[in-house]
Amino acid sequence: MEYVYAALLLHSAGKEITEDSVKAILEAAGVEVDEARVKALVAALEGVNIDEAIQKAAVPMAAAPVAATAAAAPAEEAKEEAKEEEEEEEEAKEEEAIEGLGALFG
């Protein structure tokens, strides 16, 4: 994961993603660098439009909050119904108490 972050940092800074630059970032972060992974990453990113890849990856992430909101709606409705039931029970108890006081005073 650190290797990808290093490449994204370089891309964000407008720098060329090379083995040396990725290695320098990883070393600065205190990561023990695996030369083979660095070479594989740089080779895999060759010819890739990183901005386009990020945009495509971000689309499913944007749909996740919508799904979470849709799932939260029934839970909120259930909470509201429970709250209404509690209020009705409290009103019924108050009415019983009032009726009981009325019996005391005739």
PDB file of N, CA and C in Angstrom:
ATOM      1  N   MET A   1       0.827  -1.181   0.000  1.00  0.00           N
ATOM      2  CA  MET A   1       0.000   0.000   0.000  1.00  0.00           C
ATOM      3  C   MET A   1       0.879   1.255   0.000  1.00  0.00           C
ATOM      4  N   GLU A   2       1.965   1.206   0.732  1.00  0.00           N
ATOM      5  CA  GLU A   2       2.843   2.367   0.814  1.00  0.00           C
ATOM      6  C   GLU A   2       3.415   2.729  -0.555  1.00  0.00           C
ATOM      7  N   TYR A   3       3.641   1.713  -1.370  1.00  0.00           N
ATOM      8  CA  TYR A   3       4.216   1.932  -2.687  1.00  0.00           C
ATOM      9  C   TYR A   3       3.238   2.727  -3.564  1.00  0.00           C
ATOM     10  N   VAL A   4       1.980   2.364  -3.501  1.00  0.00           N
ATOM     11  CA  VAL A   4       0.960   3.071  -4.268  1.00  0.00           C
ATOM     12  C   VAL A   4       0.823   4.499  -3.749  1.00  0.00           C
ATOM     13  N   TYR A   5       0.837   4.656  -2.424  1.00  0.00           N
ATOM     14  CA  TYR A   5       0.756   6.008  -1.854  1.00  0.00           C
ATOM     15  C   TYR A   5       1.922   6.866  -2.325  1.00  0.00           C
ATOM     16  N   ALA A   6       3.096   6.289  -2.385  1.00  0.00           N
ATOM     17  CA  ALA A   6       4.266   7.036  -2.841  1.00  0.00           C
ATOM     18  C   ALA A   6       4.069   7.490  -4.289  1.00  0.00           C
ATOM     19  N   ALA A   7       3.545   6.606  -5.119  1.00  0.00           N
ATOM     20  CA  ALA A   7       3.302   6.955  -6.518  1.00  0.00           C
ATOM     21  C   ALA A   7       2.235   8.047  -6.616  1.00  0.00           C
ATOM     22  N   LEU A   8       1.179   7.944  -5.809  1.00  0.00           N
ATOM     23  CA  LEU A   8       0.133   8.963  -5.832  1.00  0.00           C
ATOM     24  C   LEU A   8       0.668  10.313  -5.346  1.00  0.00           C
ATOM     25  N   LEU A   9       1.520  10.288  -4.360  1.00  0.00           N
ATOM     26  CA  LEU A   9       2.120  11.526  -3.870  1.00  0.00           C
ATOM     27  C   LEU A   9       2.956  12.185  -4.965  1.00  0.00           C
ATOM     28  N   LEU A  10       3.743  11.391  -5.658  1.00  0.00           N
ATOM     29  CA  LEU A  10       4.543  11.927  -6.758  1.00  0.00           C
ATOM     30  C   LEU A  10       3.642  12.488  -7.851  1.00  0.00           C
ATOM     31  N   HIS A  11       2.608  11.769  -8.190  1.00  0.00           N
ATOM     32  CA  HIS A  11       1.676  12.236  -9.223  1.00  0.00           C
ATOM     33  C   HIS A  11       1.019  13.548  -8.796  1.00  0.00           C
ATOM     34  N   SER A  12       0.586  13.601  -7.546  1.00  0.00           N
ATOM     35  CA  SER A  12      -0.068  14.800  -7.024  1.00  0.00           C
ATOM     36  C   SER A  12       0.861  16.011  -7.058  1.00  0.00           C
ATOM     37  N   ALA A  13       2.138  15.765  -6.830  1.00  0.00           N
ATOM     38  CA  ALA A  13       3.127  16.844  -6.837  1.00  0.00           C
ATOM     39  C   ALA A  13       3.584  17.195  -8.247  1.00  0.00           C
ATOM     40  N   GLY A  14       3.100  16.445  -9.240  1.00  0.00           N
ATOM     41  CA  GLY A  14       3.486  16.721 -10.611  1.00  0.00           C
ATOM     42  C   GLY A  14       4.862  16.195 -10.964  1.00  0.00           C
ATOM     43  N   LYS A  15       5.368  15.271 -10.173  1.00  0.00           N
ATOM     44  CA  LYS A  15       6.695  14.698 -10.408  1.00  0.00           C
ATOM     45  C   LYS A  15       6.578  13.414 -11.219  1.00  0.00           C
ATOM     46  N   GLU A  16       7.651  13.048 -11.868  1.00  0.00           N
ATOM     47  CA  GLU A  16       7.690  11.808 -12.638  1.00  0.00           C
ATOM     48  C   GLU A  16       7.811  10.629 -11.673  1.00  0.00           C
ATOM     49  N   ILE A  17       7.064   9.581 -11.954  1.00  0.00           N
ATOM     50  CA  ILE A  17       7.100   8.391 -11.100  1.00  0.00           C
ATOM     51  C   ILE A  17       8.193   7.467 -11.634  1.00  0.00           C
ATOM     52  N   THR A  18       9.334   7.520 -10.941  1.00  0.00           N
ATOM     53  CA  THR A  18      10.477   6.681 -11.309  1.00  0.00           C
ATOM     54  C   THR A  18      10.839   5.803 -10.122  1.00  0.00           C
ATOM     55  N   GLU A  19      11.661   4.808 -10.395  1.00  0.00           N
ATOM     56  CA  GLU A  19      12.092   3.919  -9.311  1.00  0.00           C
ATOM     57  C   GLU A  19      12.799   4.709  -8.214  1.00  0.00           C
ATOM     58  N   ASP A  20      13.678   5.620  -8.633  1.00  0.00           N
ATOM     59  CA  ASP A  20      14.438   6.398  -7.654  1.00  0.00           C
ATOM     60  C   ASP A  20      13.528   7.294  -6.811  1.00  0.00           C
ATOM     61  N   SER A  21      12.537   7.931  -7.444  1.00  0.00           N
ATOM     62  CA  SER A  21      11.670   8.838  -6.690  1.00  0.00           C
ATOM     63  C   SER A  21      10.760   8.073  -5.734  1.00  0.00           C
ATOM     64  N   VAL A  22      10.248   6.935  -6.162  1.00  0.00           N
ATOM     65  CA  VAL A  22       9.409   6.114  -5.272  1.00  0.00           C
ATOM     66  C   VAL A  22      10.251   5.617  -4.106  1.00  0.00           C
ATOM     67  N   LYS A  23      11.436   5.151  -4.416  1.00  0.00           N
ATOM     68  CA  LYS A  23      12.339   4.648  -3.386  1.00  0.00           C
ATOM     69  C   LYS A  23      12.680   5.755  -2.372  1.00  0.00           C
ATOM     70  N   ALA A  24      12.922   6.976  -2.858  1.00  0.00           N
ATOM     71  CA  ALA A  24      13.273   8.090  -1.975  1.00  0.00           C
ATOM     72  C   ALA A  24      12.126   8.404  -1.014  1.00  0.00           C
ATOM     73  N   ILE A  25      10.900   8.391  -1.520  1.00  0.00           N
ATOM     74  CA  ILE A  25       9.746   8.673  -0.656  1.00  0.00           C
ATOM     75  C   ILE A  25       9.583   7.589   0.391  1.00  0.00           C
ATOM     76  N   LEU A  26       9.696   6.349  -0.029  1.00  0.00           N
ATOM     77  CA  LEU A  26       9.537   5.248   0.922  1.00  0.00           C
ATOM     78  C   LEU A  26      10.607   5.288   2.007  1.00  0.00           C
ATOM     79  N   GLU A  27      11.837   5.562   1.608  1.00  0.00           N
ATOM     80  CA  GLU A  27      12.921   5.656   2.591  1.00  0.00           C
ATOM     81  C   GLU A  27      12.690   6.818   3.548  1.00  0.00           C
ATOM     82  N   ALA A  28      12.198   7.940   3.020  1.00  0.00           N
ATOM     83  CA  ALA A  28      11.927   9.097   3.870  1.00  0.00           C
ATOM     84  C   ALA A  28      10.826   8.783   4.878  1.00  0.00           C
ATOM     85  N   ALA A  29       9.915   7.893   4.507  1.00  0.00           N
ATOM     86  CA  ALA A  29       8.831   7.511   5.407  1.00  0.00           C
ATOM     87  C   ALA A  29       9.249   6.402   6.367  1.00  0.00           C
ATOM     88  N   GLY A  30      10.458   5.912   6.212  1.00  0.00           N
ATOM     89  CA  GLY A  30      10.944   4.877   7.114  1.00  0.00           C
ATOM     90  C   GLY A  30      10.501   3.472   6.726  1.00  0.00           C
ATOM     91  N   VAL A  31      10.127   3.299   5.477  1.00  0.00           N
ATOM     92  CA  VAL A  31       9.694   1.990   4.989  1.00  0.00           C
ATOM     93  C   VAL A  31      10.895   1.251   4.423  1.00  0.00           C
ATOM     94  N   GLU A  32      10.997  -0.033   4.769  1.00  0.00           N
ATOM     95  CA  GLU A  32      12.055  -0.853   4.194  1.00  0.00           C
ATOM     96  C   GLU A  32      11.672  -1.151   2.744  1.00  0.00           C
ATOM     97  N   VAL A  33      12.486  -0.698   1.813  1.00  0.00           N
ATOM     98  CA  VAL A  33      12.143  -0.737   0.393  1.00  0.00           C
ATOM     99  C   VAL A  33      12.483  -2.093  -0.208  1.00  0.00           C
ATOM    100  N   ASP A  34      11.511  -2.641  -0.937  1.00  0.00           N
ATOM    101  CA  ASP A  34      11.698  -3.873  -1.703  1.00  0.00           C
ATOM    102  C   ASP A  34      11.871  -3.447  -3.157  1.00  0.00           C
ATOM    103  N   GLU A  35      13.090  -3.576  -3.667  1.00  0.00           N
ATOM    104  CA  GLU A  35      13.416  -3.108  -5.020  1.00  0.00           C
ATOM    105  C   GLU A  35      12.512  -3.746  -6.071  1.00  0.00           C
ATOM    106  N   ALA A  36      12.175  -4.999  -5.913  1.00  0.00           N
ATOM    107  CA  ALA A  36      11.337  -5.692  -6.894  1.00  0.00           C
ATOM    108  C   ALA A  36       9.936  -5.079  -6.939  1.00  0.00           C
ATOM    109  N   ARG A  37       9.406  -4.736  -5.776  1.00  0.00           N
ATOM    110  CA  ARG A  37       8.070  -4.121  -5.735  1.00  0.00           C
ATOM    111  C   ARG A  37       8.087  -2.741  -6.376  1.00  0.00           C
ATOM    112  N   VAL A  38       9.159  -1.993  -6.146  1.00  0.00           N
ATOM    113  CA  VAL A  38       9.286  -0.666  -6.740  1.00  0.00           C
ATOM    114  C   VAL A  38       9.327  -0.789  -8.263  1.00  0.00           C
ATOM    115  N   LYS A  39      10.134  -1.716  -8.773  1.00  0.00           N
ATOM    116  CA  LYS A  39      10.236  -1.917 -10.217  1.00  0.00           C
ATOM    117  C   LYS A  39       8.898  -2.349 -10.796  1.00  0.00           C
ATOM    118  N   ALA A  40       8.204  -3.246 -10.105  1.00  0.00           N
ATOM    119  CA  ALA A  40       6.910  -3.726 -10.580  1.00  0.00           C
ATOM    120  C   ALA A  40       5.883  -2.593 -10.618  1.00  0.00           C
ATOM    121  N   LEU A  41       5.894  -1.756  -9.602  1.00  0.00           N
ATOM    122  CA  LEU A  41       4.951  -0.636  -9.544  1.00  0.00           C
ATOM    123  C   LEU A  41       5.195   0.336 -10.689  1.00  0.00           C
ATOM    124  N   VAL A  42       6.436   0.737 -10.872  1.00  0.00           N
ATOM    125  CA  VAL A  42       6.764   1.699 -11.925  1.00  0.00           C
ATOM    126  C   VAL A  42       6.427   1.110 -13.295  1.00  0.00           C
ATOM    127  N   ALA A  43       6.703  -0.162 -13.484  1.00  0.00           N
ATOM    128  CA  ALA A  43       6.392  -0.809 -14.762  1.00  0.00           C
ATOM    129  C   ALA A  43       4.878  -0.888 -14.980  1.00  0.00           C
ATOM    130  N   ALA A  44       4.135  -1.172 -13.905  1.00  0.00           N
ATOM    131  CA  ALA A  44       2.682  -1.285 -14.010  1.00  0.00           C
ATOM    132  C   ALA A  44       2.038   0.064 -14.312  1.00  0.00           C
ATOM    133  N   LEU A  45       2.639   1.138 -13.833  1.00  0.00           N
ATOM    134  CA  LEU A  45       2.065   2.475 -14.038  1.00  0.00           C
ATOM    135  C   LEU A  45       2.475   3.103 -15.364  1.00  0.00           C
ATOM    136  N   GLU A  46       3.370   2.458 -16.066  1.00  0.00           N
ATOM    137  CA  GLU A  46       3.840   2.987 -17.333  1.00  0.00           C
ATOM    138  C   GLU A  46       2.686   3.041 -18.335  1.00  0.00           C
ATOM    139  N   GLY A  47       2.402   4.212 -18.846  1.00  0.00           N
ATOM    140  CA  GLY A  47       1.338   4.377 -19.824  1.00  0.00           C
ATOM    141  C   GLY A  47      -0.056   4.483 -19.226  1.00  0.00           C
ATOM    142  N   VAL A  48      -0.171   4.498 -17.897  1.00  0.00           N
ATOM    143  CA  VAL A  48      -1.478   4.590 -17.240  1.00  0.00           C
ATOM    144  C   VAL A  48      -1.813   6.056 -16.985  1.00  0.00           C
ATOM    145  N   ASN A  49      -3.035   6.443 -17.314  1.00  0.00           N
ATOM    146  CA  ASN A  49      -3.506   7.787 -17.002  1.00  0.00           C
ATOM    147  C   ASN A  49      -4.021   7.739 -15.559  1.00  0.00           C
ATOM    148  N   ILE A  50      -3.225   8.209 -14.630  1.00  0.00           N
ATOM    149  CA  ILE A  50      -3.544   8.091 -13.207  1.00  0.00           C
ATOM    150  C   ILE A  50      -4.796   8.889 -12.850  1.00  0.00           C
ATOM    151  N   ASP A  51      -4.954  10.062 -13.431  1.00  0.00           N
ATOM    152  CA  ASP A  51      -6.156  10.864 -13.143  1.00  0.00           C
ATOM    153  C   ASP A  51      -7.419  10.111 -13.539  1.00  0.00           C
ATOM    154  N   GLU A  52      -7.385   9.474 -14.702  1.00  0.00           N
ATOM    155  CA  GLU A  52      -8.537   8.704 -15.173  1.00  0.00           C
ATOM    156  C   GLU A  52      -8.788   7.504 -14.265  1.00  0.00           C
ATOM    157  N   ALA A  53      -7.732   6.836 -13.848  1.00  0.00           N
ATOM    158  CA  ALA A  53      -7.867   5.676 -12.963  1.00  0.00           C
ATOM    159  C   ALA A  53      -8.459   6.088 -11.619  1.00  0.00           C
ATOM    160  N   ILE A  54      -8.045   7.234 -11.104  1.00  0.00           N
ATOM    161  CA  ILE A  54      -8.580   7.721  -9.829  1.00  0.00           C
ATOM    162  C   ILE A  54     -10.052   8.061  -9.981  1.00  0.00           C
ATOM    163  N   GLN A  55     -10.407   8.691 -11.088  1.00  0.00           N
ATOM    164  CA  GLN A  55     -11.801   9.072 -11.315  1.00  0.00           C
ATOM    165  C   GLN A  55     -12.686   7.827 -11.413  1.00  0.00           C
ATOM    166  N   LYS A  56     -12.232   6.807 -12.112  1.00  0.00           N
ATOM    167  CA  LYS A  56     -13.006   5.567 -12.232  1.00  0.00           C
ATOM    168  C   LYS A  56     -13.137   4.873 -10.893  1.00  0.00           C
ATOM    169  N   ALA A  57     -12.098   4.926 -10.100  1.00  0.00           N
ATOM    170  CA  ALA A  57     -12.130   4.281  -8.782  1.00  0.00           C
ATOM    171  C   ALA A  57     -13.021   5.047  -7.822  1.00  0.00           C
ATOM    172  N   ALA A  58     -13.180   6.341  -8.016  1.00  0.00           N
ATOM    173  CA  ALA A  58     -13.963   7.172  -7.100  1.00  0.00           C
ATOM    174  C   ALA A  58     -15.457   7.019  -7.319  1.00  0.00           C
ATOM    175  N   VAL A  59     -15.894   6.595  -8.488  1.00  0.00           N
ATOM    176  CA  VAL A  59     -17.320   6.479  -8.780  1.00  0.00           C
ATOM    177  C   VAL A  59     -18.004   5.481  -7.849  1.00  0.00           C
ATOM    178  N   PRO A  60     -17.496   4.253  -7.660  1.00  0.00           N
ATOM    179  CA  PRO A  60     -18.164   3.346  -6.723  1.00  0.00           C
ATOM    180  C   PRO A  60     -18.160   3.875  -5.291  1.00  0.00           C
ATOM    181  N   MET A  61     -17.155   4.646  -4.946  1.00  0.00           N
ATOM    182  CA  MET A  61     -17.090   5.202  -3.600  1.00  0.00           C
ATOM    183  C   MET A  61     -18.214   6.218  -3.392  1.00  0.00           C
ATOM    184  N   ALA A  62     -18.586   6.930  -4.435  1.00  0.00           N
ATOM    185  CA  ALA A  62     -19.649   7.925  -4.317  1.00  0.00           C
ATOM    186  C   ALA A  62     -20.998   7.252  -4.137  1.00  0.00           C
ATOM    187  N   ALA A  63     -21.172   6.055  -4.662  1.00  0.00           N
ATOM    188  CA  ALA A  63     -22.438   5.339  -4.534  1.00  0.00           C
ATOM    189  C   ALA A  63     -22.605   4.754  -3.136  1.00  0.00           C
ATOM    190  N   ALA A  64     -21.533   4.495  -2.446  1.00  0.00           N
ATOM    191  CA  ALA A  64     -21.609   3.888  -1.122  1.00  0.00           C
ATOM    192  C   ALA A  64     -22.380   4.748  -0.121  1.00  0.00           C
ATOM    193  N   PRO A  65     -22.135   6.074  -0.036  1.00  0.00           N
ATOM    194  CA  PRO A  65     -22.920   6.874   0.911  1.00  0.00           C
ATOM    195  C   PRO A  65     -24.409   6.884   0.595  1.00  0.00           C
ATOM    196  N   VAL A  66     -24.762   6.811  -0.683  1.00  0.00           N
ATOM    197  CA  VAL A  66     -26.172   6.778  -1.059  1.00  0.00           C
ATOM    198  C   VAL A  66     -26.808   5.508  -0.523  1.00  0.00           C
ATOM    199  N   ALA A  67     -26.127   4.387  -0.673  1.00  0.00           N
ATOM    200  CA  ALA A  67     -26.652   3.122  -0.171  1.00  0.00           C
ATOM    201  C   ALA A  67     -26.756   3.152   1.354  1.00  0.00           C
ATOM    202  N   ALA A  68     -25.774   3.740   2.001  1.00  0.00           N
ATOM    203  CA  ALA A  68     -25.803   3.832   3.461  1.00  0.00           C
ATOM    204  C   ALA A  68     -26.959   4.709   3.922  1.00  0.00           C
ATOM    205  N   THR A  69     -27.220   5.782   3.194  1.00  0.00           N
ATOM    206  CA  THR A  69     -28.326   6.667   3.539  1.00  0.00           C
ATOM    207  C   THR A  69     -29.652   5.956   3.361  1.00  0.00           C
ATOM    208  N   ALA A  70     -29.764   5.191   2.288  1.00  0.00           N
ATOM    209  CA  ALA A  70     -30.999   4.449   2.030  1.00  0.00           C
ATOM    210  C   ALA A  70     -31.226   3.401   3.120  1.00  0.00           C
ATOM    211  N   ALA A  71     -30.162   2.792   3.585  1.00  0.00           N
ATOM    212  CA  ALA A  71     -30.289   1.797   4.645  1.00  0.00           C
ATOM    213  C   ALA A  71     -30.618   2.451   5.974  1.00  0.00           C
ATOM    214  N   ALA A  72     -30.168   3.677   6.173  1.00  0.00           N
ATOM    215  CA  ALA A  72     -30.408   4.377   7.433  1.00  0.00           C
ATOM    216  C   ALA A  72     -31.848   4.867   7.537  1.00  0.00           C
ATOM    217  N   ALA A  73     -32.498   5.106   6.409  1.00  0.00           N
ATOM    218  CA  ALA A  73     -33.860   5.636   6.428  1.00  0.00           C
ATOM    219  C   ALA A  73     -34.840   4.727   7.181  1.00  0.00           C
ATOM    220  N   PRO A  74     -34.871   3.408   6.923  1.00  0.00           N
ATOM    221  CA  PRO A  74     -35.782   2.554   7.681  1.00  0.00           C
ATOM    222  C   PRO A  74     -35.457   2.545   9.175  1.00  0.00           C
ATOM    223  N   ALA A  75     -34.194   2.630   9.513  1.00  0.00           N
ATOM    224  CA  ALA A  75     -33.808   2.650  10.921  1.00  0.00           C
ATOM    225  C   ALA A  75     -34.333   3.915  11.590  1.00  0.00           C
ATOM    226  N   GLU A  76     -34.262   5.046  10.883  1.00  0.00           N
ATOM    227  CA  GLU A  76     -34.770   6.296  11.437  1.00  0.00           C
ATOM    228  C   GLU A  76     -36.290   6.230  11.601  1.00  0.00           C
ATOM    229  N   GLU A  77     -36.951   5.624  10.621  1.00  0.00           N
ATOM    230  CA  GLU A  77     -38.405   5.489  10.714  1.00  0.00           C
ATOM    231  C   GLU A  77     -38.786   4.630  11.914  1.00  0.00           C
ATOM    232  N   ALA A  78     -38.045   3.567  12.145  1.00  0.00           N
ATOM    233  CA  ALA A  78     -38.325   2.691  13.277  1.00  0.00           C
ATOM    234  C   ALA A  78     -38.125   3.439  14.593  1.00  0.00           C
ATOM    235  N   LYS A  79     -37.085   4.278  14.648  1.00  0.00           N
ATOM    236  CA  LYS A  79     -36.838   5.068  15.855  1.00  0.00           C
ATOM    237  C   LYS A  79     -37.983   6.042  16.099  1.00  0.00           C
ATOM    238  N   GLU A  80     -38.457   6.675  15.009  1.00  0.00           N
ATOM    239  CA  GLU A  80     -39.553   7.635  15.141  1.00  0.00           C
ATOM    240  C   GLU A  80     -40.827   6.936  15.619  1.00  0.00           C
ATOM    241  N   GLU A  81     -41.088   5.742  15.077  1.00  0.00           N
ATOM    242  CA  GLU A  81     -42.274   4.997  15.492  1.00  0.00           C
ATOM    243  C   GLU A  81     -42.181   4.609  16.971  1.00  0.00           C
ATOM    244  N   ALA A  82     -41.010   4.175  17.396  1.00  0.00           N
ATOM    245  CA  ALA A  82     -40.824   3.799  18.791  1.00  0.00           C
ATOM    246  C   ALA A  82     -41.012   5.019  19.686  1.00  0.00           C
ATOM    247  N   LYS A  83     -40.521   6.163  19.245  1.00  0.00           N
ATOM    248  CA  LYS A  83     -40.660   7.390  20.020  1.00  0.00           C
ATOM    249  C   LYS A  83     -42.137   7.779  20.133  1.00  0.00           C
ATOM    250  N   GLU A  84     -42.865   7.652  19.016  1.00  0.00           N
ATOM    251  CA  GLU A  84     -44.292   7.976  19.039  1.00  0.00           C
ATOM    252  C   GLU A  84     -45.049   7.041  19.982  1.00  0.00           C
ATOM    253  N   GLU A  85     -44.710   5.760  19.965  1.00  0.00           N
ATOM    254  CA  GLU A  85     -45.361   4.801  20.854  1.00  0.00           C
ATOM    255  C   GLU A  85     -45.101   5.150  22.317  1.00  0.00           C
ATOM    256  N   GLU A  86     -43.854   5.537  22.617  1.00  0.00           N
ATOM    257  CA  GLU A  86     -43.523   5.920  23.980  1.00  0.00           C
ATOM    258  C   GLU A  86     -44.328   7.145  24.412  1.00  0.00           C
ATOM    259  N   GLU A  87     -44.460   8.107  23.509  1.00  0.00           N
ATOM    260  CA  GLU A  87     -45.227   9.312  23.828  1.00  0.00           C
ATOM    261  C   GLU A  87     -46.690   8.966  24.075  1.00  0.00           C
ATOM    262  N   GLU A  88     -47.249   8.049  23.284  1.00  0.00           N
ATOM    263  CA  GLU A  88     -48.635   7.629  23.464  1.00  0.00           C
ATOM    264  C   GLU A  88     -48.822   6.933  24.815  1.00  0.00           C
ATOM    265  N   GLU A  89     -47.838   6.089  25.180  1.00  0.00           N
ATOM    266  CA  GLU A  89     -47.912   5.400  26.469  1.00  0.00           C
ATOM    267  C   GLU A  89     -47.855   6.398  27.619  1.00  0.00           C
ATOM    268  N   GLU A  90     -47.001   7.401  27.486  1.00  0.00           N
ATOM    269  CA  GLU A  90     -46.895   8.421  28.533  1.00  0.00           C
ATOM    270  C   GLU A  90     -48.194   9.203  28.660  1.00  0.00           C
ATOM    271  N   GLU A  91     -48.804   9.532  27.517  1.00  0.00           N
ATOM    272  CA  GLU A  91     -50.079  10.253  27.549  1.00  0.00           C
ATOM    273  C   GLU A  91     -51.157   9.408  28.220  1.00  0.00           C
ATOM    274  N   ALA A  92     -51.179   8.122  27.925  1.00  0.00           N
ATOM    275  CA  ALA A  92     -52.174   7.225  28.531  1.00  0.00           C
ATOM    276  C   ALA A  92     -51.966   7.164  30.039  1.00  0.00           C
ATOM    277  N   LYS A  93     -50.724   7.112  30.481  1.00  0.00           N
ATOM    278  CA  LYS A  93     -50.436   7.073  31.916  1.00  0.00           C
ATOM    279  C   LYS A  93     -50.870   8.370  32.585  1.00  0.00           C
ATOM    280  N   GLU A  94     -50.641   9.505  31.922  1.00  0.00           N
ATOM    281  CA  GLU A  94     -51.045  10.792  32.473  1.00  0.00           C
ATOM    282  C   GLU A  94     -52.558  10.866  32.604  1.00  0.00           C
ATOM    283  N   GLU A  95     -53.269  10.367  31.572  1.00  0.00           N
ATOM    284  CA  GLU A  95     -54.732  10.373  31.619  1.00  0.00           C
ATOM    285  C   GLU A  95     -55.246   9.510  32.768  1.00  0.00           C
ATOM    286  N   GLU A  96     -54.629   8.343  32.975  1.00  0.00           N
ATOM    287  CA  GLU A  96     -55.033   7.470  34.075  1.00  0.00           C
ATOM    288  C   GLU A  96     -54.802   8.163  35.416  1.00  0.00           C
ATOM    289  N   ALA A  97     -53.669   8.858  35.511  1.00  0.00           N
ATOM    290  CA  ALA A  97     -53.363   9.554  36.750  1.00  0.00           C
ATOM    291  C   ALA A  97     -54.367  10.657  37.007  1.00  0.00           C
ATOM    292  N   ILE A  98     -54.755  11.383  35.974  1.00  0.00           N
ATOM    293  CA  ILE A  98     -55.740  12.461  36.107  1.00  0.00           C
ATOM    294  C   ILE A  98     -57.104  11.891  36.536  1.00  0.00           C
ATOM    295  N   GLU A  99     -57.478  10.780  35.916  1.00  0.00           N
ATOM    296  CA  GLU A  99     -58.742  10.140  36.272  1.00  0.00           C
ATOM    297  C   GLU A  99     -58.707   9.684  37.735  1.00  0.00           C
ATOM    298  N   GLY A 100     -57.590   9.164  38.154  1.00  0.00           N
ATOM    299  CA  GLY A 100     -57.464   8.716  39.553  1.00  0.00           C
ATOM    300  C   GLY A 100     -57.590   9.872  40.518  1.00  0.00           C
ATOM    301  N   LEU A 101     -57.011  11.028  40.174  1.00  0.00           N
ATOM    302  CA  LEU A 101     -57.132  12.202  41.027  1.00  0.00           C
ATOM    303  C   LEU A 101     -58.567  12.693  41.069  1.00  0.00           C
ATOM    304  N   GLY A 102     -59.260  12.610  39.930  1.00  0.00           N
ATOM    305  CA  GLY A 102     -60.669  13.006  39.878  1.00  0.00           C
ATOM    306  C   GLY A 102     -61.518  12.161  40.812  1.00  0.00           C
ATOM    307  N   ALA A 103     -61.205  10.883  40.926  1.00  0.00           N
ATOM    308  CA  ALA A 103     -61.959   9.987  41.811  1.00  0.00           C
ATOM    309  C   ALA A 103     -61.740  10.385  43.261  1.00  0.00           C
ATOM    310  N   LEU A 104     -60.569  10.874  43.566  1.00  0.00           N
ATOM    311  CA  LEU A 104     -60.282  11.292  44.959  1.00  0.00           C
ATOM    312  C   LEU A 104     -61.123  12.487  45.359  1.00  0.00           C
ATOM    313  N   PHE A 105     -61.321  13.386  44.420  1.00  0.00           N
ATOM    314  CA  PHE A 105     -62.020  14.634  44.744  1.00  0.00           C
ATOM    315  C   PHE A 105     -63.497  14.614  44.329  1.00  0.00           C
ATOM    316  N   GLY A 106     -63.986  13.467  43.872  1.00  0.00           N
ATOM    317  CA  GLY A 106     -65.380  13.250  43.636  1.00  0.00           C
ATOM    318  C   GLY A 106     -65.922  13.896  42.466  1.00  0.00           C
TER     319      GLY A 106
END
